[in-house]
């Protein structure tokens, strides 16, 4: 049974590369994790098909941090899903999720964003400007179409196929028009050979841009910076929540990690007792 799984790992990796555009580094990580898991899992052939007992492997990796364990289990789940979609009868046991503490990416100081923009080419510059200027998720940037760009706002298709409109700053409008005039596109803002750039391709470009100035930055950090800068400049949390496409303001509070000073400032402005003349 273990040989059956090992023989299907390369097929899974080919699928991940072709369909999801995974990088060679990611594929290598997937392969190492899967081979390690197969080595320690109990695998048997039963009436309901191939049964993969994950517990021995979970005991083997129990000493690692929660994030690493969660990632390893996630890779195994993706592999099992691939096998099931391929018509194989596979059952995975003891794959329960680990509760992860909510962690937030650190926002990027605007001075570093400006430095990166100075060394970026035109396409790289626009990628950074759209992520930071609109607070987009990387998936939203990948799916952004030319027809979504309006005169004063852009239409964004977010999670759950929910759309939202985000105001367009004059600078961003000018940069988008300049880029499209020089680079003929068919449907999407960012394309290659008539197809939209994948999330991984865009993520790689962001990493490459900031590597030029010696720092590591993710697309989600730019989204976090967008939210933090708006709030720290006096933006209302309800407005920022809508701009981010959050279904709840509580999500925005967690996401933006409002500090105590910001909350205290708003409290002092809002509470009736802040006005001395009433006492």
C-alpha atoms as a PDB file:
ATOM      1  CA  UNK A   1       0.000   0.000   0.000  1.00  0.00           C
ATOM      2  CA  UNK A   2       2.844   2.378   0.772  1.00  0.00           C
ATOM      3  CA  UNK A   3       4.249   1.813  -2.716  1.00  0.00           C
ATOM      4  CA  UNK A   4       0.847   2.760  -4.152  1.00  0.00           C
ATOM      5  CA  UNK A   5       0.950   6.101  -2.361  1.00  0.00           C
ATOM      6  CA  UNK A   6       4.578   6.771  -3.244  1.00  0.00           C
ATOM      7  CA  UNK A   7       3.848   6.054  -6.916  1.00  0.00           C
ATOM      8  CA  UNK A   8       1.070   8.659  -6.869  1.00  0.00           C
ATOM      9  CA  UNK A   9       3.053  11.427  -5.195  1.00  0.00           C
ATOM     10  CA  UNK A  10       4.727  12.524  -8.442  1.00  0.00           C
ATOM     11  CA  UNK A  11       1.341  12.603 -10.193  1.00  0.00           C
ATOM     12  CA  UNK A  12       0.030  14.807  -7.403  1.00  0.00           C
ATOM     13  CA  UNK A  13       3.003  17.148  -7.734  1.00  0.00           C
ATOM     14  CA  UNK A  14       2.502  17.407 -11.497  1.00  0.00           C
ATOM     15  CA  UNK A  15      -1.123  18.317 -10.864  1.00  0.00           C
ATOM     16  CA  UNK A  16      -0.166  20.984  -8.316  1.00  0.00           C
ATOM     17  CA  UNK A  17       2.320  22.501 -10.745  1.00  0.00           C
ATOM     18  CA  UNK A  18       0.030  22.430 -13.771  1.00  0.00           C
ATOM     19  CA  UNK A  19      -3.230  23.522 -12.143  1.00  0.00           C
ATOM     20  CA  UNK A  20      -2.060  25.686  -9.247  1.00  0.00           C
ATOM     21  CA  UNK A  21       1.261  26.866 -10.620  1.00  0.00           C
ATOM     22  CA  UNK A  22       3.237  25.807  -7.542  1.00  0.00           C
ATOM     23  CA  UNK A  23       6.918  26.741  -7.537  1.00  0.00           C
ATOM     24  CA  UNK A  24       9.704  24.166  -7.598  1.00  0.00           C
ATOM     25  CA  UNK A  25      10.495  25.002  -3.971  1.00  0.00           C
ATOM     26  CA  UNK A  26       6.904  24.352  -2.922  1.00  0.00           C
ATOM     27  CA  UNK A  27       6.791  21.083  -4.839  1.00  0.00           C
ATOM     28  CA  UNK A  28      10.008  19.940  -3.200  1.00  0.00           C
ATOM     29  CA  UNK A  29       8.538  20.715   0.233  1.00  0.00           C
ATOM     30  CA  UNK A  30       5.364  18.797  -0.627  1.00  0.00           C
ATOM     31  CA  UNK A  31       7.324  15.755  -1.758  1.00  0.00           C
ATOM     32  CA  UNK A  32       9.560  15.643   1.320  1.00  0.00           C
ATOM     33  CA  UNK A  33       6.559  15.989   3.642  1.00  0.00           C
ATOM     34  CA  UNK A  34       4.541  13.300   1.874  1.00  0.00           C
ATOM     35  CA  UNK A  35       7.410  10.821   1.789  1.00  0.00           C
ATOM     36  CA  UNK A  36       7.986  11.429   5.498  1.00  0.00           C
ATOM     37  CA  UNK A  37       4.286  10.928   6.254  1.00  0.00           C
ATOM     38  CA  UNK A  38       4.058   7.701   4.242  1.00  0.00           C
ATOM     39  CA  UNK A  39       7.046   6.362   6.144  1.00  0.00           C
ATOM     40  CA  UNK A  40       5.333   6.720   9.530  1.00  0.00           C
ATOM     41  CA  UNK A  41       1.617   6.277   8.740  1.00  0.00           C
ATOM     42  CA  UNK A  42      -0.172   2.971   9.167  1.00  0.00           C
ATOM     43  CA  UNK A  43      -1.630   2.131   5.753  1.00  0.00           C
ATOM     44  CA  UNK A  44      -3.948  -0.809   5.117  1.00  0.00           C
ATOM     45  CA  UNK A  45      -6.351  -2.140   2.513  1.00  0.00           C
ATOM     46  CA  UNK A  46      -9.827  -2.637   3.944  1.00  0.00           C
ATOM     47  CA  UNK A  47     -13.389  -2.983   2.651  1.00  0.00           C
ATOM     48  CA  UNK A  48     -13.848   0.792   2.460  1.00  0.00           C
ATOM     49  CA  UNK A  49     -10.653   1.085   0.416  1.00  0.00           C
ATOM     50  CA  UNK A  50      -7.198   2.277   1.408  1.00  0.00           C
ATOM     51  CA  UNK A  51      -7.165   3.470   5.027  1.00  0.00           C
ATOM     52  CA  UNK A  52      -4.427   5.904   6.068  1.00  0.00           C
ATOM     53  CA  UNK A  53      -3.983   6.109   9.845  1.00  0.00           C
ATOM     54  CA  UNK A  54      -2.296   9.407  10.552  1.00  0.00           C
ATOM     55  CA  UNK A  55      -1.787   9.021  14.308  1.00  0.00           C
ATOM     56  CA  UNK A  56       1.706   7.428  14.217  1.00  0.00           C
ATOM     57  CA  UNK A  57       2.895  10.281  12.031  1.00  0.00           C
ATOM     58  CA  UNK A  58       1.274  12.900  14.266  1.00  0.00           C
ATOM     59  CA  UNK A  59       3.103  11.410  17.235  1.00  0.00           C
ATOM     60  CA  UNK A  60       6.344  11.604  15.268  1.00  0.00           C
ATOM     61  CA  UNK A  61       5.922  15.342  14.549  1.00  0.00           C
ATOM     62  CA  UNK A  62       4.290  16.231  17.885  1.00  0.00           C
ATOM     63  CA  UNK A  63       7.356  18.160  19.039  1.00  0.00           C
ATOM     64  CA  UNK A  64       7.199  20.649  16.180  1.00  0.00           C
ATOM     65  CA  UNK A  65       5.383  23.990  16.426  1.00  0.00           C
ATOM     66  CA  UNK A  66       1.666  24.116  15.663  1.00  0.00           C
ATOM     67  CA  UNK A  67       2.082  26.017  12.417  1.00  0.00           C
ATOM     68  CA  UNK A  68       4.467  23.404  11.015  1.00  0.00           C
ATOM     69  CA  UNK A  69       2.207  20.529  12.072  1.00  0.00           C
ATOM     70  CA  UNK A  70      -0.847  22.205  10.552  1.00  0.00           C
ATOM     71  CA  UNK A  71       1.017  22.726   7.272  1.00  0.00           C
ATOM     72  CA  UNK A  72       2.158  19.097   7.104  1.00  0.00           C
ATOM     73  CA  UNK A  73      -1.364  17.802   7.731  1.00  0.00           C
ATOM     74  CA  UNK A  74      -2.761  20.217   5.152  1.00  0.00           C
ATOM     75  CA  UNK A  75      -0.399  18.805   2.505  1.00  0.00           C
ATOM     76  CA  UNK A  76      -1.565  15.265   3.298  1.00  0.00           C
ATOM     77  CA  UNK A  77      -5.208  16.340   3.031  1.00  0.00           C
ATOM     78  CA  UNK A  78      -4.546  17.887  -0.382  1.00  0.00           C
ATOM     79  CA  UNK A  79      -2.874  14.662  -1.522  1.00  0.00           C
ATOM     80  CA  UNK A  80      -5.818  12.551  -0.324  1.00  0.00           C
ATOM     81  CA  UNK A  81      -8.275  14.893  -2.050  1.00  0.00           C
ATOM     82  CA  UNK A  82      -6.287  14.482  -5.275  1.00  0.00           C
ATOM     83  CA  UNK A  83      -6.514  10.689  -4.964  1.00  0.00           C
ATOM     84  CA  UNK A  84     -10.268  10.831  -4.332  1.00  0.00           C
ATOM     85  CA  UNK A  85     -10.831  13.168  -7.277  1.00  0.00           C
ATOM     86  CA  UNK A  86      -8.843  10.689  -9.349  1.00  0.00           C
ATOM     87  CA  UNK A  87     -11.327   7.960  -8.468  1.00  0.00           C
ATOM     88  CA  UNK A  88      -9.357   6.245  -5.714  1.00  0.00           C
ATOM     89  CA  UNK A  89     -11.148   5.093  -2.560  1.00  0.00           C
ATOM     90  CA  UNK A  90      -9.087   6.514   0.269  1.00  0.00           C
ATOM     91  CA  UNK A  91      -9.923   7.215   3.898  1.00  0.00           C
ATOM     92  CA  UNK A  92      -7.758   9.397   6.135  1.00  0.00           C
ATOM     93  CA  UNK A  93      -8.020   8.967   9.914  1.00  0.00           C
ATOM     94  CA  UNK A  94      -6.931  11.330  12.699  1.00  0.00           C
ATOM     95  CA  UNK A  95      -6.474  14.340  10.444  1.00  0.00           C
ATOM     96  CA  UNK A  96      -8.207  16.742  12.831  1.00  0.00           C
ATOM     97  CA  UNK A  97      -7.166  20.368  12.521  1.00  0.00           C
ATOM     98  CA  UNK A  98      -4.967  22.038  15.083  1.00  0.00           C
ATOM     99  CA  UNK A  99      -6.257  25.262  16.614  1.00  0.00           C
ATOM    100  CA  UNK A 100      -3.873  27.957  15.518  1.00  0.00           C
ATOM    101  CA  UNK A 101      -3.383  31.244  17.355  1.00  0.00           C
ATOM    102  CA  UNK A 102      -4.365  34.186  15.168  1.00  0.00           C
ATOM    103  CA  UNK A 103      -1.218  35.812  13.871  1.00  0.00           C
ATOM    104  CA  UNK A 104      -1.021  38.999  11.894  1.00  0.00           C
ATOM    105  CA  UNK A 105       1.540  40.025   9.294  1.00  0.00           C
ATOM    106  CA  UNK A 106       3.492  43.116  10.245  1.00  0.00           C
ATOM    107  CA  UNK A 107       2.623  46.187   8.167  1.00  0.00           C
ATOM    108  CA  UNK A 108       5.367  47.614   5.987  1.00  0.00           C
ATOM    109  CA  UNK A 109       6.594  51.114   6.709  1.00  0.00           C
ATOM    110  CA  UNK A 110       5.662  53.354   3.787  1.00  0.00           C
ATOM    111  CA  UNK A 111       9.289  54.434   3.362  1.00  0.00           C
ATOM    112  CA  UNK A 112      10.157  50.855   2.298  1.00  0.00           C
ATOM    113  CA  UNK A 113       7.259  50.759  -0.139  1.00  0.00           C
ATOM    114  CA  UNK A 114       8.565  53.983  -1.700  1.00  0.00           C
ATOM    115  CA  UNK A 115      12.079  52.524  -1.924  1.00  0.00           C
ATOM    116  CA  UNK A 116      10.758  49.405  -3.658  1.00  0.00           C
ATOM    117  CA  UNK A 117       8.747  51.463  -6.143  1.00  0.00           C
ATOM    118  CA  UNK A 118      11.911  53.329  -7.151  1.00  0.00           C
ATOM    119  CA  UNK A 119      13.691  50.135  -8.236  1.00  0.00           C
ATOM    120  CA  UNK A 120      10.642  48.353  -9.735  1.00  0.00           C
ATOM    121  CA  UNK A 121       9.886  48.139 -13.438  1.00  0.00           C
ATOM    122  CA  UNK A 122       6.490  49.358 -14.686  1.00  0.00           C
ATOM    123  CA  UNK A 123       4.647  46.088 -14.151  1.00  0.00           C
ATOM    124  CA  UNK A 124       6.205  45.508 -10.729  1.00  0.00           C
ATOM    125  CA  UNK A 125       5.355  49.074  -9.729  1.00  0.00           C
ATOM    126  CA  UNK A 126       1.702  48.625 -10.649  1.00  0.00           C
ATOM    127  CA  UNK A 127       1.462  45.320  -8.773  1.00  0.00           C
ATOM    128  CA  UNK A 128       2.690  46.970  -5.567  1.00  0.00           C
ATOM    129  CA  UNK A 129       0.515  50.048  -6.067  1.00  0.00           C
ATOM    130  CA  UNK A 130      -2.655  48.000  -6.563  1.00  0.00           C
ATOM    131  CA  UNK A 131      -2.014  45.755  -3.559  1.00  0.00           C
ATOM    132  CA  UNK A 132      -1.170  48.667  -1.283  1.00  0.00           C
ATOM    133  CA  UNK A 133      -3.432  51.267  -2.901  1.00  0.00           C
ATOM    134  CA  UNK A 134      -6.592  49.132  -2.890  1.00  0.00           C
ATOM    135  CA  UNK A 135      -5.859  46.635  -0.090  1.00  0.00           C
ATOM    136  CA  UNK A 136      -6.428  43.698  -2.439  1.00  0.00           C
ATOM    137  CA  UNK A 137      -5.955  40.046  -1.654  1.00  0.00           C
ATOM    138  CA  UNK A 138      -3.535  38.343  -4.055  1.00  0.00           C
ATOM    139  CA  UNK A 139      -6.426  36.313  -5.498  1.00  0.00           C
ATOM    140  CA  UNK A 140      -8.359  39.525  -6.153  1.00  0.00           C
ATOM    141  CA  UNK A 141      -5.394  41.050  -7.954  1.00  0.00           C
ATOM    142  CA  UNK A 142      -4.995  37.957 -10.120  1.00  0.00           C
ATOM    143  CA  UNK A 143      -8.686  38.096 -11.088  1.00  0.00           C
ATOM    144  CA  UNK A 144      -8.836  41.869 -11.655  1.00  0.00           C
ATOM    145  CA  UNK A 145     -10.165  42.564 -15.142  1.00  0.00           C
ATOM    146  CA  UNK A 146      -9.835  45.600 -17.385  1.00  0.00           C
ATOM    147  CA  UNK A 147     -13.611  46.083 -17.358  1.00  0.00           C
ATOM    148  CA  UNK A 148     -13.481  46.286 -13.545  1.00  0.00           C
ATOM    149  CA  UNK A 149     -11.622  49.596 -13.761  1.00  0.00           C
ATOM    150  CA  UNK A 150     -14.123  52.445 -13.768  1.00  0.00           C
ATOM    151  CA  UNK A 151     -13.650  56.206 -13.804  1.00  0.00           C
ATOM    152  CA  UNK A 152     -13.768  56.720 -10.044  1.00  0.00           C
ATOM    153  CA  UNK A 153     -13.714  53.218  -8.582  1.00  0.00           C
ATOM    154  CA  UNK A 154     -12.771  49.611  -9.250  1.00  0.00           C
ATOM    155  CA  UNK A 155     -15.029  46.596  -8.850  1.00  0.00           C
ATOM    156  CA  UNK A 156     -13.453  43.743  -6.905  1.00  0.00           C
ATOM    157  CA  UNK A 157     -14.705  40.178  -6.708  1.00  0.00           C
ATOM    158  CA  UNK A 158     -13.832  39.013  -3.212  1.00  0.00           C
ATOM    159  CA  UNK A 159     -14.378  35.908  -1.107  1.00  0.00           C
ATOM    160  CA  UNK A 160     -17.672  34.120  -1.626  1.00  0.00           C
ATOM    161  CA  UNK A 161     -18.137  35.929  -4.952  1.00  0.00           C
ATOM    162  CA  UNK A 162     -19.010  39.109  -3.063  1.00  0.00           C
ATOM    163  CA  UNK A 163     -18.271  42.280  -4.983  1.00  0.00           C
ATOM    164  CA  UNK A 164     -17.200  45.612  -3.536  1.00  0.00           C
ATOM    165  CA  UNK A 165     -16.296  48.980  -5.009  1.00  0.00           C
ATOM    166  CA  UNK A 166     -13.088  50.751  -4.003  1.00  0.00           C
ATOM    167  CA  UNK A 167     -12.418  54.432  -4.837  1.00  0.00           C
ATOM    168  CA  UNK A 168      -9.604  55.023  -7.309  1.00  0.00           C
ATOM    169  CA  UNK A 169      -6.988  57.608  -6.403  1.00  0.00           C
ATOM    170  CA  UNK A 170      -5.882  59.820  -9.360  1.00  0.00           C
ATOM    171  CA  UNK A 171      -2.316  58.470  -9.149  1.00  0.00           C
ATOM    172  CA  UNK A 172      -3.502  54.863  -9.413  1.00  0.00           C
ATOM    173  CA  UNK A 173      -5.858  55.710 -12.272  1.00  0.00           C
ATOM    174  CA  UNK A 174      -2.993  57.331 -14.168  1.00  0.00           C
ATOM    175  CA  UNK A 175      -0.614  54.420 -13.550  1.00  0.00           C
ATOM    176  CA  UNK A 176      -3.193  51.847 -14.672  1.00  0.00           C
ATOM    177  CA  UNK A 177      -3.972  53.735 -17.891  1.00  0.00           C
ATOM    178  CA  UNK A 178      -0.280  54.224 -18.687  1.00  0.00           C
ATOM    179  CA  UNK A 179       0.446  50.524 -18.159  1.00  0.00           C
ATOM    180  CA  UNK A 180      -2.489  49.338 -20.280  1.00  0.00           C
ATOM    181  CA  UNK A 181      -1.629  51.755 -23.096  1.00  0.00           C
ATOM    182  CA  UNK A 182       1.888  50.326 -23.292  1.00  0.00           C
ATOM    183  CA  UNK A 183       0.953  46.690 -22.657  1.00  0.00           C
ATOM    184  CA  UNK A 184      -1.918  45.336 -24.716  1.00  0.00           C
ATOM    185  CA  UNK A 185      -4.123  43.079 -22.622  1.00  0.00           C
ATOM    186  CA  UNK A 186      -7.245  41.145 -23.510  1.00  0.00           C
ATOM    187  CA  UNK A 187      -9.192  40.562 -20.310  1.00  0.00           C
ATOM    188  CA  UNK A 188      -7.079  40.807 -17.165  1.00  0.00           C
ATOM    189  CA  UNK A 189      -4.848  43.618 -15.934  1.00  0.00           C
ATOM    190  CA  UNK A 190      -1.950  41.207 -15.563  1.00  0.00           C
ATOM    191  CA  UNK A 191      -1.659  38.616 -18.322  1.00  0.00           C
ATOM    192  CA  UNK A 192       0.944  36.490 -20.022  1.00  0.00           C
ATOM    193  CA  UNK A 193       0.275  34.789 -23.346  1.00  0.00           C
ATOM    194  CA  UNK A 194      -3.410  35.637 -23.095  1.00  0.00           C
ATOM    195  CA  UNK A 195      -3.849  34.103 -19.645  1.00  0.00           C
ATOM    196  CA  UNK A 196      -4.064  35.851 -16.300  1.00  0.00           C
ATOM    197  CA  UNK A 197      -0.981  35.740 -14.096  1.00  0.00           C
ATOM    198  CA  UNK A 198      -1.441  33.188 -11.335  1.00  0.00           C
ATOM    199  CA  UNK A 199      -1.425  34.094  -7.667  1.00  0.00           C
ATOM    200  CA  UNK A 200       1.955  32.399  -7.285  1.00  0.00           C
ATOM    201  CA  UNK A 201       3.420  34.385 -10.181  1.00  0.00           C
ATOM    202  CA  UNK A 202       2.238  37.651  -8.650  1.00  0.00           C
ATOM    203  CA  UNK A 203       3.444  36.584  -5.208  1.00  0.00           C
ATOM    204  CA  UNK A 204       6.868  35.790  -6.665  1.00  0.00           C
ATOM    205  CA  UNK A 205       7.033  39.230  -8.294  1.00  0.00           C
ATOM    206  CA  UNK A 206       6.244  40.949  -4.993  1.00  0.00           C
ATOM    207  CA  UNK A 207       8.984  38.966  -3.249  1.00  0.00           C
ATOM    208  CA  UNK A 208      11.396  39.835  -6.055  1.00  0.00           C
ATOM    209  CA  UNK A 209      10.620  43.563  -5.918  1.00  0.00           C
ATOM    210  CA  UNK A 210      11.296  43.929  -2.201  1.00  0.00           C
ATOM    211  CA  UNK A 211      14.305  41.622  -2.348  1.00  0.00           C
ATOM    212  CA  UNK A 212      15.938  44.369  -4.419  1.00  0.00           C
ATOM    213  CA  UNK A 213      15.991  46.582  -1.322  1.00  0.00           C
ATOM    214  CA  UNK A 214      16.958  43.741   0.987  1.00  0.00           C
ATOM    215  CA  UNK A 215      13.702  42.938   2.773  1.00  0.00           C
ATOM    216  CA  UNK A 216      11.100  40.174   2.566  1.00  0.00           C
ATOM    217  CA  UNK A 217       7.505  41.274   1.981  1.00  0.00           C
ATOM    218  CA  UNK A 218       4.365  39.291   1.182  1.00  0.00           C
ATOM    219  CA  UNK A 219       1.302  40.548  -0.712  1.00  0.00           C
ATOM    220  CA  UNK A 220      -0.788  40.157   2.436  1.00  0.00           C
ATOM    221  CA  UNK A 221       1.552  42.495   4.297  1.00  0.00           C
ATOM    222  CA  UNK A 222       0.766  45.183   1.728  1.00  0.00           C
ATOM    223  CA  UNK A 223      -2.963  44.636   2.333  1.00  0.00           C
ATOM    224  CA  UNK A 224      -2.327  44.857   6.070  1.00  0.00           C
ATOM    225  CA  UNK A 225      -0.337  48.065   5.543  1.00  0.00           C
ATOM    226  CA  UNK A 226      -3.235  49.543   3.562  1.00  0.00           C
ATOM    227  CA  UNK A 227      -5.654  48.887   6.431  1.00  0.00           C
ATOM    228  CA  UNK A 228      -3.276  50.022   9.162  1.00  0.00           C
ATOM    229  CA  UNK A 229      -2.348  53.254   7.393  1.00  0.00           C
ATOM    230  CA  UNK A 230      -6.004  54.131   6.791  1.00  0.00           C
ATOM    231  CA  UNK A 231      -6.904  53.547  10.434  1.00  0.00           C
ATOM    232  CA  UNK A 232      -3.864  55.332  11.799  1.00  0.00           C
ATOM    233  CA  UNK A 233      -4.745  58.328   9.604  1.00  0.00           C
ATOM    234  CA  UNK A 234      -8.218  58.572  11.110  1.00  0.00           C
ATOM    235  CA  UNK A 235     -10.219  56.306   8.817  1.00  0.00           C
ATOM    236  CA  UNK A 236     -13.392  54.888  10.356  1.00  0.00           C
ATOM    237  CA  UNK A 237     -13.203  51.178  11.071  1.00  0.00           C
ATOM    238  CA  UNK A 238     -16.624  50.636   9.452  1.00  0.00           C
ATOM    239  CA  UNK A 239     -15.360  52.194   6.205  1.00  0.00           C
ATOM    240  CA  UNK A 240     -12.085  50.268   6.273  1.00  0.00           C
ATOM    241  CA  UNK A 241     -14.005  47.053   6.911  1.00  0.00           C
ATOM    242  CA  UNK A 242     -16.064  47.607   3.755  1.00  0.00           C
ATOM    243  CA  UNK A 243     -13.007  48.507   1.703  1.00  0.00           C
ATOM    244  CA  UNK A 244     -11.301  45.290   2.813  1.00  0.00           C
ATOM    245  CA  UNK A 245     -14.364  43.199   1.999  1.00  0.00           C
ATOM    246  CA  UNK A 246     -14.793  41.888   5.536  1.00  0.00           C
ATOM    247  CA  UNK A 247     -18.202  40.507   6.443  1.00  0.00           C
ATOM    248  CA  UNK A 248     -17.779  41.643  10.049  1.00  0.00           C
ATOM    249  CA  UNK A 249     -16.072  44.628  11.674  1.00  0.00           C
ATOM    250  CA  UNK A 250     -14.754  42.285  14.350  1.00  0.00           C
ATOM    251  CA  UNK A 251     -12.643  40.677  11.642  1.00  0.00           C
ATOM    252  CA  UNK A 252     -11.226  44.066  10.750  1.00  0.00           C
ATOM    253  CA  UNK A 253     -10.338  44.760  14.379  1.00  0.00           C
ATOM    254  CA  UNK A 254      -8.412  41.510  14.612  1.00  0.00           C
ATOM    255  CA  UNK A 255      -6.877  41.994  11.191  1.00  0.00           C
ATOM    256  CA  UNK A 256      -5.662  45.512  11.805  1.00  0.00           C
ATOM    257  CA  UNK A 257      -4.674  44.880  15.413  1.00  0.00           C
ATOM    258  CA  UNK A 258      -5.810  48.240  16.689  1.00  0.00           C
ATOM    259  CA  UNK A 259      -3.400  49.371  19.357  1.00  0.00           C
ATOM    260  CA  UNK A 260      -4.433  50.692  22.741  1.00  0.00           C
ATOM    261  CA  UNK A 261      -3.497  54.260  21.902  1.00  0.00           C
ATOM    262  CA  UNK A 262      -5.818  54.319  18.870  1.00  0.00           C
ATOM    263  CA  UNK A 263      -8.702  52.843  20.841  1.00  0.00           C
ATOM    264  CA  UNK A 264      -8.155  55.274  23.724  1.00  0.00           C
ATOM    265  CA  UNK A 265      -8.147  58.230  21.344  1.00  0.00           C
ATOM    266  CA  UNK A 266     -11.482  57.195  19.855  1.00  0.00           C
ATOM    267  CA  UNK A 267     -12.911  56.498  23.298  1.00  0.00           C
ATOM    268  CA  UNK A 268     -11.981  59.969  24.518  1.00  0.00           C
ATOM    269  CA  UNK A 269     -13.564  61.549  21.442  1.00  0.00           C
ATOM    270  CA  UNK A 270     -16.766  59.509  21.599  1.00  0.00           C
ATOM    271  CA  UNK A 271     -17.670  59.234  25.280  1.00  0.00           C
ATOM    272  CA  UNK A 272     -20.005  61.962  26.664  1.00  0.00           C
ATOM    273  CA  UNK A 273     -17.827  62.400  29.752  1.00  0.00           C
ATOM    274  CA  UNK A 274     -14.971  63.578  27.545  1.00  0.00           C
ATOM    275  CA  UNK A 275     -16.631  66.988  27.404  1.00  0.00           C
ATOM    276  CA  UNK A 276     -15.511  68.819  30.566  1.00  0.00           C
ATOM    277  CA  UNK A 277     -18.275  71.427  30.469  1.00  0.00           C
ATOM    278  CA  UNK A 278     -20.978  68.884  31.386  1.00  0.00           C
ATOM    279  CA  UNK A 279     -19.527  68.378  34.860  1.00  0.00           C
END
